């Protein structure tokens, strides 16, 4: 085998090794991205559930308020509970989470 052919074979082997290393790195990056994506999907679903629950409370308040001419104690309790819950949820799940990013 000539020196020129030997150099070409060595270059091809080196390029194949570099290619395999690059593909393995891309595979690792892609797997990490997929894990992060799934985690974000779960967090998004949790936020949707919380919003739907809060909307249900607001609908209850609206129905109670529209059925009476006088303020009802239960409406105030529901409003205060909803406000407190949303305040805690925002602080614990949204503000704190952003500060860790």
PDB file of N, CA and C in Angstrom:
ATOM      1  N   UNK A   1       0.859  -1.165   0.000  1.00  0.00           N
ATOM      2  CA  UNK A   1       0.000   0.000   0.000  1.00  0.00           C
ATOM      3  C   UNK A   1       0.905   1.228   0.000  1.00  0.00           C
ATOM      4  N   UNK A   2       0.551   2.171  -0.808  1.00  0.00           N
ATOM      5  CA  UNK A   2       1.389   3.363  -0.910  1.00  0.00           C
ATOM      6  C   UNK A   2       1.139   4.282   0.273  1.00  0.00           C
ATOM      7  N   UNK A   3       2.067   5.181   0.481  1.00  0.00           N
ATOM      8  CA  UNK A   3       1.954   6.149   1.580  1.00  0.00           C
ATOM      9  C   UNK A   3       0.733   7.027   1.381  1.00  0.00           C
ATOM     10  N   UNK A   4       0.464   7.380   0.127  1.00  0.00           N
ATOM     11  CA  UNK A   4      -0.693   8.245  -0.168  1.00  0.00           C
ATOM     12  C   UNK A   4      -2.004   7.548   0.201  1.00  0.00           C
ATOM     13  N   UNK A   5      -2.140   6.269  -0.163  1.00  0.00           N
ATOM     14  CA  UNK A   5      -3.353   5.506   0.177  1.00  0.00           C
ATOM     15  C   UNK A   5      -3.479   5.334   1.686  1.00  0.00           C
ATOM     16  N   UNK A   6      -2.353   5.132   2.355  1.00  0.00           N
ATOM     17  CA  UNK A   6      -2.363   4.980   3.807  1.00  0.00           C
ATOM     18  C   UNK A   6      -2.848   6.267   4.465  1.00  0.00           C
ATOM     19  N   UNK A   7      -2.387   7.423   3.988  1.00  0.00           N
ATOM     20  CA  UNK A   7      -2.825   8.712   4.529  1.00  0.00           C
ATOM     21  C   UNK A   7      -4.313   8.943   4.289  1.00  0.00           C
ATOM     22  N   UNK A   8      -4.796   8.555   3.127  1.00  0.00           N
ATOM     23  CA  UNK A   8      -6.223   8.711   2.810  1.00  0.00           C
ATOM     24  C   UNK A   8      -7.057   7.842   3.746  1.00  0.00           C
ATOM     25  N   UNK A   9      -6.630   6.591   3.969  1.00  0.00           N
ATOM     26  CA  UNK A   9      -7.357   5.689   4.869  1.00  0.00           C
ATOM     27  C   UNK A   9      -7.362   6.226   6.302  1.00  0.00           C
ATOM     28  N   UNK A  10      -6.238   6.754   6.755  1.00  0.00           N
ATOM     29  CA  UNK A  10      -6.177   7.328   8.094  1.00  0.00           C
ATOM     30  C   UNK A  10      -7.112   8.534   8.216  1.00  0.00           C
ATOM     31  N   UNK A  11      -7.148   9.360   7.163  1.00  0.00           N
ATOM     32  CA  UNK A  11      -8.024  10.532   7.158  1.00  0.00           C
ATOM     33  C   UNK A  11      -9.490  10.109   7.198  1.00  0.00           C
ATOM     34  N   UNK A  12      -9.839   9.082   6.436  1.00  0.00           N
ATOM     35  CA  UNK A  12     -11.220   8.584   6.417  1.00  0.00           C
ATOM     36  C   UNK A  12     -11.600   8.043   7.794  1.00  0.00           C
ATOM     37  N   UNK A  13     -10.706   7.270   8.415  1.00  0.00           N
ATOM     38  CA  UNK A  13     -10.980   6.722   9.742  1.00  0.00           C
ATOM     39  C   UNK A  13     -11.137   7.842  10.768  1.00  0.00           C
ATOM     40  N   UNK A  14     -10.296   8.877  10.664  1.00  0.00           N
ATOM     41  CA  UNK A  14     -10.385   9.994  11.590  1.00  0.00           C
ATOM     42  C   UNK A  14     -11.701  10.741  11.387  1.00  0.00           C
ATOM     43  N   UNK A  15     -12.090  10.958  10.141  1.00  0.00           N
ATOM     44  CA  UNK A  15     -13.351  11.642   9.858  1.00  0.00           C
ATOM     45  C   UNK A  15     -14.544  10.832  10.350  1.00  0.00           C
ATOM     46  N   UNK A  16     -14.503   9.507  10.209  1.00  0.00           N
ATOM     47  CA  UNK A  16     -15.588   8.663  10.699  1.00  0.00           C
ATOM     48  C   UNK A  16     -15.695   8.748  12.220  1.00  0.00           C
ATOM     49  N   UNK A  17     -14.556   8.746  12.896  1.00  0.00           N
ATOM     50  CA  UNK A  17     -14.548   8.861  14.353  1.00  0.00           C
ATOM     51  C   UNK A  17     -15.100  10.201  14.807  1.00  0.00           C
ATOM     52  N   UNK A  18     -14.694  11.268  14.136  1.00  0.00           N
ATOM     53  CA  UNK A  18     -15.192  12.602  14.471  1.00  0.00           C
ATOM     54  C   UNK A  18     -16.696  12.668  14.239  1.00  0.00           C
ATOM     55  N   UNK A  19     -17.150  12.057  13.142  1.00  0.00           N
ATOM     56  CA  UNK A  19     -18.583  12.045  12.821  1.00  0.00           C
ATOM     57  C   UNK A  19     -19.363  11.300  13.908  1.00  0.00           C
ATOM     58  N   UNK A  20     -18.862  10.139  14.316  1.00  0.00           N
ATOM     59  CA  UNK A  20     -19.544   9.355  15.358  1.00  0.00           C
ATOM     60  C   UNK A  20     -19.575  10.116  16.678  1.00  0.00           C
ATOM     61  N   UNK A  21     -18.482  10.779  17.028  1.00  0.00           N
ATOM     62  CA  UNK A  21     -18.457  11.581  18.252  1.00  0.00           C
ATOM     63  C   UNK A  21     -19.478  12.707  18.192  1.00  0.00           C
ATOM     64  N   UNK A  22     -19.536  13.387  17.059  1.00  0.00           N
ATOM     65  CA  UNK A  22     -20.481  14.488  16.902  1.00  0.00           C
ATOM     66  C   UNK A  22     -21.919  13.983  16.996  1.00  0.00           C
ATOM     67  N   UNK A  23     -22.212  12.851  16.393  1.00  0.00           N
ATOM     68  CA  UNK A  23     -23.571  12.296  16.429  1.00  0.00           C
ATOM     69  C   UNK A  23     -23.948  11.863  17.845  1.00  0.00           C
ATOM     70  N   UNK A  24     -22.995  11.309  18.583  1.00  0.00           N
ATOM     71  CA  UNK A  24     -23.271  10.932  19.976  1.00  0.00           C
ATOM     72  C   UNK A  24     -23.548  12.162  20.831  1.00  0.00           C
ATOM     73  N   UNK A  25     -22.796  13.241  20.592  1.00  0.00           N
ATOM     74  CA  UNK A  25     -23.044  14.479  21.322  1.00  0.00           C
ATOM     75  C   UNK A  25     -24.426  15.035  20.994  1.00  0.00           C
ATOM     76  N   UNK A  26     -24.797  15.002  19.718  1.00  0.00           N
ATOM     77  CA  UNK A  26     -26.126  15.476  19.319  1.00  0.00           C
ATOM     78  C   UNK A  26     -27.228  14.615  19.927  1.00  0.00           C
ATOM     79  N   UNK A  27     -26.995  13.311  20.000  1.00  0.00           N
ATOM     80  CA  UNK A  27     -27.974  12.409  20.611  1.00  0.00           C
ATOM     81  C   UNK A  27     -28.181  12.776  22.083  1.00  0.00           C
ATOM     82  N   UNK A  28     -27.082  13.015  22.801  1.00  0.00           N
ATOM     83  CA  UNK A  28     -27.173  13.391  24.211  1.00  0.00           C
ATOM     84  C   UNK A  28     -27.922  14.710  24.388  1.00  0.00           C
ATOM     85  N   UNK A  29     -27.607  15.680  23.545  1.00  0.00           N
ATOM     86  CA  UNK A  29     -28.285  16.980  23.604  1.00  0.00           C
ATOM     87  C   UNK A  29     -29.773  16.808  23.341  1.00  0.00           C
ATOM     88  N   UNK A  30     -30.110  16.000  22.358  1.00  0.00           N
ATOM     89  CA  UNK A  30     -31.514  15.778  21.997  1.00  0.00           C
ATOM     90  C   UNK A  30     -32.269  15.081  23.123  1.00  0.00           C
ATOM     91  N   UNK A  31     -31.639  14.115  23.781  1.00  0.00           N
ATOM     92  CA  UNK A  31     -32.286  13.414  24.895  1.00  0.00           C
ATOM     93  C   UNK A  31     -32.556  14.375  26.056  1.00  0.00           C
ATOM     94  N   UNK A  32     -31.601  15.244  26.367  1.00  0.00           N
ATOM     95  CA  UNK A  32     -31.797  16.229  27.425  1.00  0.00           C
ATOM     96  C   UNK A  32     -32.926  17.192  27.072  1.00  0.00           C
ATOM     97  N   UNK A  33     -32.977  17.600  25.808  1.00  0.00           N
ATOM     98  CA  UNK A  33     -34.031  18.506  25.364  1.00  0.00           C
ATOM     99  C   UNK A  33     -35.393  17.837  25.462  1.00  0.00           C
ATOM    100  N   UNK A  34     -35.475  16.563  25.108  1.00  0.00           N
ATOM    101  CA  UNK A  34     -36.745  15.835  25.200  1.00  0.00           C
ATOM    102  C   UNK A  34     -37.230  15.731  26.644  1.00  0.00           C
ATOM    103  N   UNK A  35     -36.313  15.480  27.570  1.00  0.00           N
ATOM    104  CA  UNK A  35     -36.675  15.395  28.991  1.00  0.00           C
ATOM    105  C   UNK A  35     -37.189  16.742  29.477  1.00  0.00           C
ATOM    106  N   UNK A  36     -36.498  17.805  29.109  1.00  0.00           N
ATOM    107  CA  UNK A  36     -36.925  19.145  29.516  1.00  0.00           C
ATOM    108  C   UNK A  36     -38.281  19.501  28.907  1.00  0.00           C
ATOM    109  N   UNK A  37     -38.492  19.111  27.656  1.00  0.00           N
ATOM    110  CA  UNK A  37     -39.761  19.382  26.978  1.00  0.00           C
ATOM    111  C   UNK A  37     -40.920  18.681  27.691  1.00  0.00           C
ATOM    112  N   UNK A  38     -40.730  17.429  28.080  1.00  0.00           N
ATOM    113  CA  UNK A  38     -41.772  16.692  28.789  1.00  0.00           C
ATOM    114  C   UNK A  38     -42.082  17.345  30.138  1.00  0.00           C
ATOM    115  N   UNK A  39     -41.035  17.805  30.820  1.00  0.00           N
ATOM    116  CA  UNK A  39     -41.234  18.476  32.098  1.00  0.00           C
ATOM    117  C   UNK A  39     -42.042  19.764  31.911  1.00  0.00           C
ATOM    118  N   UNK A  40     -41.732  20.520  30.861  1.00  0.00           N
ATOM    119  CA  UNK A  40     -42.477  21.752  30.589  1.00  0.00           C
ATOM    120  C   UNK A  40     -43.933  21.460  30.226  1.00  0.00           C
ATOM    121  N   UNK A  41     -44.169  20.368  29.502  1.00  0.00           N
ATOM    122  CA  UNK A  41     -45.547  19.988  29.177  1.00  0.00           C
ATOM    123  C   UNK A  41     -46.339  19.682  30.440  1.00  0.00           C
ATOM    124  N   UNK A  42     -45.723  18.973  31.385  1.00  0.00           N
ATOM    125  CA  UNK A  42     -46.399  18.650  32.643  1.00  0.00           C
ATOM    126  C   UNK A  42     -46.702  19.915  33.444  1.00  0.00           C
ATOM    127  N   UNK A  43     -45.726  20.825  33.508  1.00  0.00           N
ATOM    128  CA  UNK A  43     -45.937  22.075  34.238  1.00  0.00           C
ATOM    129  C   UNK A  43     -47.043  22.897  33.582  1.00  0.00           C
ATOM    130  N   UNK A  44     -47.076  22.910  32.263  1.00  0.00           N
ATOM    131  CA  UNK A  44     -48.111  23.633  31.536  1.00  0.00           C
ATOM    132  C   UNK A  44     -49.494  23.059  31.848  1.00  0.00           C
ATOM    133  N   UNK A  45     -49.594  21.742  31.912  1.00  0.00           N
ATOM    134  CA  UNK A  45     -50.871  21.095  32.233  1.00  0.00           C
ATOM    135  C   UNK A  45     -51.301  21.449  33.649  1.00  0.00           C
ATOM    136  N   UNK A  46     -50.353  21.475  34.588  1.00  0.00           N
ATOM    137  CA  UNK A  46     -50.680  21.845  35.967  1.00  0.00           C
ATOM    138  C   UNK A  46     -51.222  23.276  36.036  1.00  0.00           C
ATOM    139  N   UNK A  47     -50.601  24.180  35.319  1.00  0.00           N
ATOM    140  CA  UNK A  47     -51.071  25.571  35.307  1.00  0.00           C
ATOM    141  C   UNK A  47     -52.470  25.659  34.703  1.00  0.00           C
ATOM    142  N   UNK A  48     -52.725  24.908  33.647  1.00  0.00           N
ATOM    143  CA  UNK A  48     -54.065  24.899  33.045  1.00  0.00           C
ATOM    144  C   UNK A  48     -55.108  24.413  34.048  1.00  0.00           C
ATOM    145  N   UNK A  49     -54.783  23.366  34.796  1.00  0.00           N
ATOM    146  CA  UNK A  49     -55.713  22.845  35.800  1.00  0.00           C
ATOM    147  C   UNK A  49     -56.007  23.896  36.871  1.00  0.00           C
ATOM    148  N   UNK A  50     -54.970  24.587  37.309  1.00  0.00           N
ATOM    149  CA  UNK A  50     -55.150  25.629  38.324  1.00  0.00           C
ATOM    150  C   UNK A  50     -56.039  26.753  37.795  1.00  0.00           C
ATOM    151  N   UNK A  51     -55.812  27.166  36.562  1.00  0.00           N
ATOM    152  CA  UNK A  51     -56.634  28.232  35.973  1.00  0.00           C
ATOM    153  C   UNK A  51     -58.091  27.807  35.832  1.00  0.00           C
ATOM    154  N   UNK A  52     -58.315  26.569  35.441  1.00  0.00           N
ATOM    155  CA  UNK A  52     -59.686  26.066  35.305  1.00  0.00           C
ATOM    156  C   UNK A  52     -60.375  26.055  36.669  1.00  0.00           C
ATOM    157  N   UNK A  53     -59.652  25.639  37.718  1.00  0.00           N
ATOM    158  CA  UNK A  53     -60.223  25.636  39.068  1.00  0.00           C
ATOM    159  C   UNK A  53     -60.589  27.054  39.505  1.00  0.00           C
ATOM    160  N   UNK A  54     -59.694  27.999  39.256  1.00  0.00           N
ATOM    161  CA  UNK A  54     -59.960  29.390  39.633  1.00  0.00           C
ATOM    162  C   UNK A  54     -61.140  29.956  38.842  1.00  0.00           C
ATOM    163  N   UNK A  55     -61.218  29.598  37.581  1.00  0.00           N
ATOM    164  CA  UNK A  55     -62.349  30.054  36.769  1.00  0.00           C
ATOM    165  C   UNK A  55     -63.658  29.519  37.343  1.00  0.00           C
ATOM    166  N   UNK A  56     -63.661  28.272  37.812  1.00  0.00           N
ATOM    167  CA  UNK A  56     -64.856  27.696  38.418  1.00  0.00           C
ATOM    168  C   UNK A  56     -65.298  28.467  39.655  1.00  0.00           C
ATOM    169  N   UNK A  57     -64.336  28.896  40.473  1.00  0.00           N
ATOM    170  CA  UNK A  57     -64.674  29.676  41.664  1.00  0.00           C
ATOM    171  C   UNK A  57     -65.257  31.030  41.255  1.00  0.00           C
ATOM    172  N   UNK A  58     -64.660  31.653  40.264  1.00  0.00           N
ATOM    173  CA  UNK A  58     -65.173  32.945  39.785  1.00  0.00           C
ATOM    174  C   UNK A  58     -66.597  32.787  39.249  1.00  0.00           C
ATOM    175  N   UNK A  59     -66.857  31.704  38.556  1.00  0.00           N
ATOM    176  CA  UNK A  59     -68.218  31.450  38.046  1.00  0.00           C
ATOM    177  C   UNK A  59     -69.203  31.267  39.206  1.00  0.00           C
ATOM    178  N   UNK A  60     -68.790  30.571  40.263  1.00  0.00           N
ATOM    179  CA  UNK A  60     -69.655  30.401  41.432  1.00  0.00           C
ATOM    180  C   UNK A  60     -69.963  31.755  42.063  1.00  0.00           C
ATOM    181  N   UNK A  61     -68.945  32.584  42.193  1.00  0.00           N
ATOM    182  CA  UNK A  61     -69.142  33.916  42.768  1.00  0.00           C
ATOM    183  C   UNK A  61     -70.110  34.710  41.915  1.00  0.00           C
ATOM    184  N   UNK A  62     -69.920  34.649  40.614  1.00  0.00           N
ATOM    185  CA  UNK A  62     -70.795  35.391  39.701  1.00  0.00           C
ATOM    186  C   UNK A  62     -72.237  34.922  39.818  1.00  0.00           C
ATOM    187  N   UNK A  63     -72.447  33.629  39.892  1.00  0.00           N
ATOM    188  CA  UNK A  63     -73.811  33.100  40.001  1.00  0.00           C
ATOM    189  C   UNK A  63     -74.430  33.489  41.339  1.00  0.00           C
ATOM    190  N   UNK A  64     -73.650  33.434  42.422  1.00  0.00           N
ATOM    191  CA  UNK A  64     -74.174  33.807  43.734  1.00  0.00           C
ATOM    192  C   UNK A  64     -74.514  35.296  43.775  1.00  0.00           C
ATOM    193  N   UNK A  65     -73.670  36.108  43.181  1.00  0.00           N
ATOM    194  CA  UNK A  65     -73.866  37.546  43.202  1.00  0.00           C
ATOM    195  C   UNK A  65     -75.067  37.957  42.355  1.00  0.00           C
ATOM    196  N   UNK A  66     -75.270  37.284  41.230  1.00  0.00           N
ATOM    197  CA  UNK A  66     -76.381  37.653  40.356  1.00  0.00           C
ATOM    198  C   UNK A  66     -77.730  37.171  40.894  1.00  0.00           C
ATOM    199  N   UNK A  67     -77.732  36.244  41.852  1.00  0.00           N
ATOM    200  CA  UNK A  67     -78.972  35.716  42.412  1.00  0.00           C
ATOM    201  C   UNK A  67     -79.487  36.526  43.604  1.00  0.00           C
ATOM    202  N   UNK A  68     -78.767  37.545  44.035  1.00  0.00           N
ATOM    203  CA  UNK A  68     -79.175  38.280  45.228  1.00  0.00           C
ATOM    204  C   UNK A  68     -79.004  39.780  45.033  1.00  0.00           C
ATOM    205  N   UNK A  69     -79.790  40.515  45.814  1.00  0.00           N
ATOM    206  CA  UNK A  69     -79.697  41.972  45.771  1.00  0.00           C
ATOM    207  C   UNK A  69     -78.764  42.505  46.858  1.00  0.00           C
ATOM    208  N   UNK A  70     -78.478  41.700  47.841  1.00  0.00           N
ATOM    209  CA  UNK A  70     -77.638  42.123  48.958  1.00  0.00           C
ATOM    210  C   UNK A  70     -76.315  41.351  48.936  1.00  0.00           C
ATOM    211  N   UNK A  71     -75.272  41.954  49.486  1.00  0.00           N
ATOM    212  CA  UNK A  71     -73.989  41.225  49.570  1.00  0.00           C
ATOM    213  C   UNK A  71     -74.157  39.969  50.423  1.00  0.00           C
ATOM    214  N   UNK A  72     -73.546  38.923  50.017  1.00  0.00           N
ATOM    215  CA  UNK A  72     -73.619  37.648  50.716  1.00  0.00           C
ATOM    216  C   UNK A  72     -72.248  37.331  51.306  1.00  0.00           C
ATOM    217  N   UNK A  73     -72.243  36.906  52.581  1.00  0.00           N
ATOM    218  CA  UNK A  73     -70.994  36.610  53.272  1.00  0.00           C
ATOM    219  C   UNK A  73     -70.162  35.571  52.527  1.00  0.00           C
ATOM    220  N   UNK A  74     -70.814  34.579  51.969  1.00  0.00           N
ATOM    221  CA  UNK A  74     -70.093  33.509  51.268  1.00  0.00           C
ATOM    222  C   UNK A  74     -69.302  34.050  50.083  1.00  0.00           C
ATOM    223  N   UNK A  75     -69.831  35.085  49.426  1.00  0.00           N
ATOM    224  CA  UNK A  75     -69.116  35.669  48.288  1.00  0.00           C
ATOM    225  C   UNK A  75     -67.789  36.272  48.756  1.00  0.00           C
ATOM    226  N   UNK A  76     -67.824  36.989  49.852  1.00  0.00           N
ATOM    227  CA  UNK A  76     -66.599  37.566  50.394  1.00  0.00           C
ATOM    228  C   UNK A  76     -65.590  36.504  50.783  1.00  0.00           C
ATOM    229  N   UNK A  77     -66.083  35.420  51.380  1.00  0.00           N
ATOM    230  CA  UNK A  77     -65.196  34.325  51.775  1.00  0.00           C
ATOM    231  C   UNK A  77     -64.565  33.685  50.534  1.00  0.00           C
ATOM    232  N   UNK A  78     -65.369  33.457  49.501  1.00  0.00           N
ATOM    233  CA  UNK A  78     -64.833  32.870  48.267  1.00  0.00           C
ATOM    234  C   UNK A  78     -63.807  33.787  47.609  1.00  0.00           C
ATOM    235  N   UNK A  79     -64.105  35.070  47.571  1.00  0.00           N
ATOM    236  CA  UNK A  79     -63.177  36.030  46.961  1.00  0.00           C
ATOM    237  C   UNK A  79     -61.863  36.061  47.740  1.00  0.00           C
ATOM    238  N   UNK A  80     -61.942  36.124  49.055  1.00  0.00           N
ATOM    239  CA  UNK A  80     -60.728  36.154  49.874  1.00  0.00           C
ATOM    240  C   UNK A  80     -59.927  34.864  49.713  1.00  0.00           C
ATOM    241  N   UNK A  81     -60.612  33.729  49.707  1.00  0.00           N
ATOM    242  CA  UNK A  81     -59.924  32.445  49.531  1.00  0.00           C
ATOM    243  C   UNK A  81     -59.250  32.359  48.171  1.00  0.00           C
ATOM    244  N   UNK A  82     -59.947  32.789  47.141  1.00  0.00           N
ATOM    245  CA  UNK A  82     -59.384  32.763  45.789  1.00  0.00           C
ATOM    246  C   UNK A  82     -58.182  33.697  45.692  1.00  0.00           C
ATOM    247  N   UNK A  83     -58.297  34.889  46.258  1.00  0.00           N
ATOM    248  CA  UNK A  83     -57.195  35.839  46.215  1.00  0.00           C
ATOM    249  C   UNK A  83     -55.969  35.276  46.928  1.00  0.00           C
ATOM    250  N   UNK A  84     -56.165  34.702  48.105  1.00  0.00           N
ATOM    251  CA  UNK A  84     -55.064  34.126  48.864  1.00  0.00           C
ATOM    252  C   UNK A  84     -54.425  32.959  48.113  1.00  0.00           C
ATOM    253  N   UNK A  85     -55.261  32.100  47.548  1.00  0.00           N
ATOM    254  CA  UNK A  85     -54.744  30.952  46.801  1.00  0.00           C
ATOM    255  C   UNK A  85     -53.925  31.410  45.606  1.00  0.00           C
ATOM    256  N   UNK A  86     -54.459  32.344  44.836  1.00  0.00           N
ATOM    257  CA  UNK A  86     -53.738  32.838  43.668  1.00  0.00           C
ATOM    258  C   UNK A  86     -52.445  33.539  44.059  1.00  0.00           C
ATOM    259  N   UNK A  87     -52.460  34.241  45.156  1.00  0.00           N
ATOM    260  CA  UNK A  87     -51.255  34.907  45.638  1.00  0.00           C
ATOM    261  C   UNK A  87     -50.177  33.877  45.982  1.00  0.00           C
ATOM    262  N   UNK A  88     -50.541  32.851  46.718  1.00  0.00           N
ATOM    263  CA  UNK A  88     -49.578  31.811  47.085  1.00  0.00           C
ATOM    264  C   UNK A  88     -49.094  31.047  45.864  1.00  0.00           C
ATOM    265  N   UNK A  89     -50.016  30.714  44.967  1.00  0.00           N
ATOM    266  CA  UNK A  89     -49.633  29.974  43.762  1.00  0.00           C
ATOM    267  C   UNK A  89     -48.664  30.792  42.917  1.00  0.00           C
ATOM    268  N   UNK A  90     -48.966  32.069  42.750  1.00  0.00           N
ATOM    269  CA  UNK A  90     -48.099  32.938  41.950  1.00  0.00           C
ATOM    270  C   UNK A  90     -46.720  33.033  42.581  1.00  0.00           C
ATOM    271  N   UNK A  91     -46.688  33.213  43.879  1.00  0.00           N
ATOM    272  CA  UNK A  91     -45.400  33.351  44.569  1.00  0.00           C
ATOM    273  C   UNK A  91     -44.590  32.052  44.513  1.00  0.00           C
ATOM    274  N   UNK A  92     -45.235  30.927  44.788  1.00  0.00           N
ATOM    275  CA  UNK A  92     -44.516  29.653  44.891  1.00  0.00           C
ATOM    276  C   UNK A  92     -44.212  29.001  43.551  1.00  0.00           C
ATOM    277  N   UNK A  93     -45.105  29.109  42.604  1.00  0.00           N
ATOM    278  CA  UNK A  93     -44.948  28.369  41.350  1.00  0.00           C
ATOM    279  C   UNK A  93     -44.431  29.219  40.191  1.00  0.00           C
ATOM    280  N   UNK A  94     -44.673  30.507  40.228  1.00  0.00           N
ATOM    281  CA  UNK A  94     -44.294  31.348  39.083  1.00  0.00           C
ATOM    282  C   UNK A  94     -43.091  32.215  39.413  1.00  0.00           C
ATOM    283  N   UNK A  95     -43.191  33.012  40.462  1.00  0.00           N
ATOM    284  CA  UNK A  95     -42.107  33.945  40.789  1.00  0.00           C
ATOM    285  C   UNK A  95     -40.861  33.186  41.236  1.00  0.00           C
ATOM    286  N   UNK A  96     -41.013  32.239  42.158  1.00  0.00           N
ATOM    287  CA  UNK A  96     -39.851  31.471  42.639  1.00  0.00           C
ATOM    288  C   UNK A  96     -39.225  30.645  41.536  1.00  0.00           C
ATOM    289  N   UNK A  97     -40.035  30.086  40.662  1.00  0.00           N
ATOM    290  CA  UNK A  97     -39.519  29.266  39.579  1.00  0.00           C
ATOM    291  C   UNK A  97     -38.687  30.109  38.620  1.00  0.00           C
ATOM    292  N   UNK A  98     -39.142  31.336  38.316  1.00  0.00           N
ATOM    293  CA  UNK A  98     -38.401  32.196  37.407  1.00  0.00           C
ATOM    294  C   UNK A  98     -37.070  32.620  38.014  1.00  0.00           C
ATOM    295  N   UNK A  99     -37.023  32.794  39.323  1.00  0.00           N
ATOM    296  CA  UNK A  99     -35.770  33.225  39.947  1.00  0.00           C
ATOM    297  C   UNK A  99     -34.729  32.114  39.934  1.00  0.00           C
ATOM    298  N   UNK A 100     -35.149  30.853  39.756  1.00  0.00           N
ATOM    299  CA  UNK A 100     -34.206  29.753  39.699  1.00  0.00           C
ATOM    300  C   UNK A 100     -33.675  29.510  38.288  1.00  0.00           C
ATOM    301  N   UNK A 101     -34.269  30.150  37.306  1.00  0.00           N
ATOM    302  CA  UNK A 101     -33.854  29.923  35.909  1.00  0.00           C
ATOM    303  C   UNK A 101     -32.578  30.659  35.609  1.00  0.00           C
TER     304      UNK A 101
END
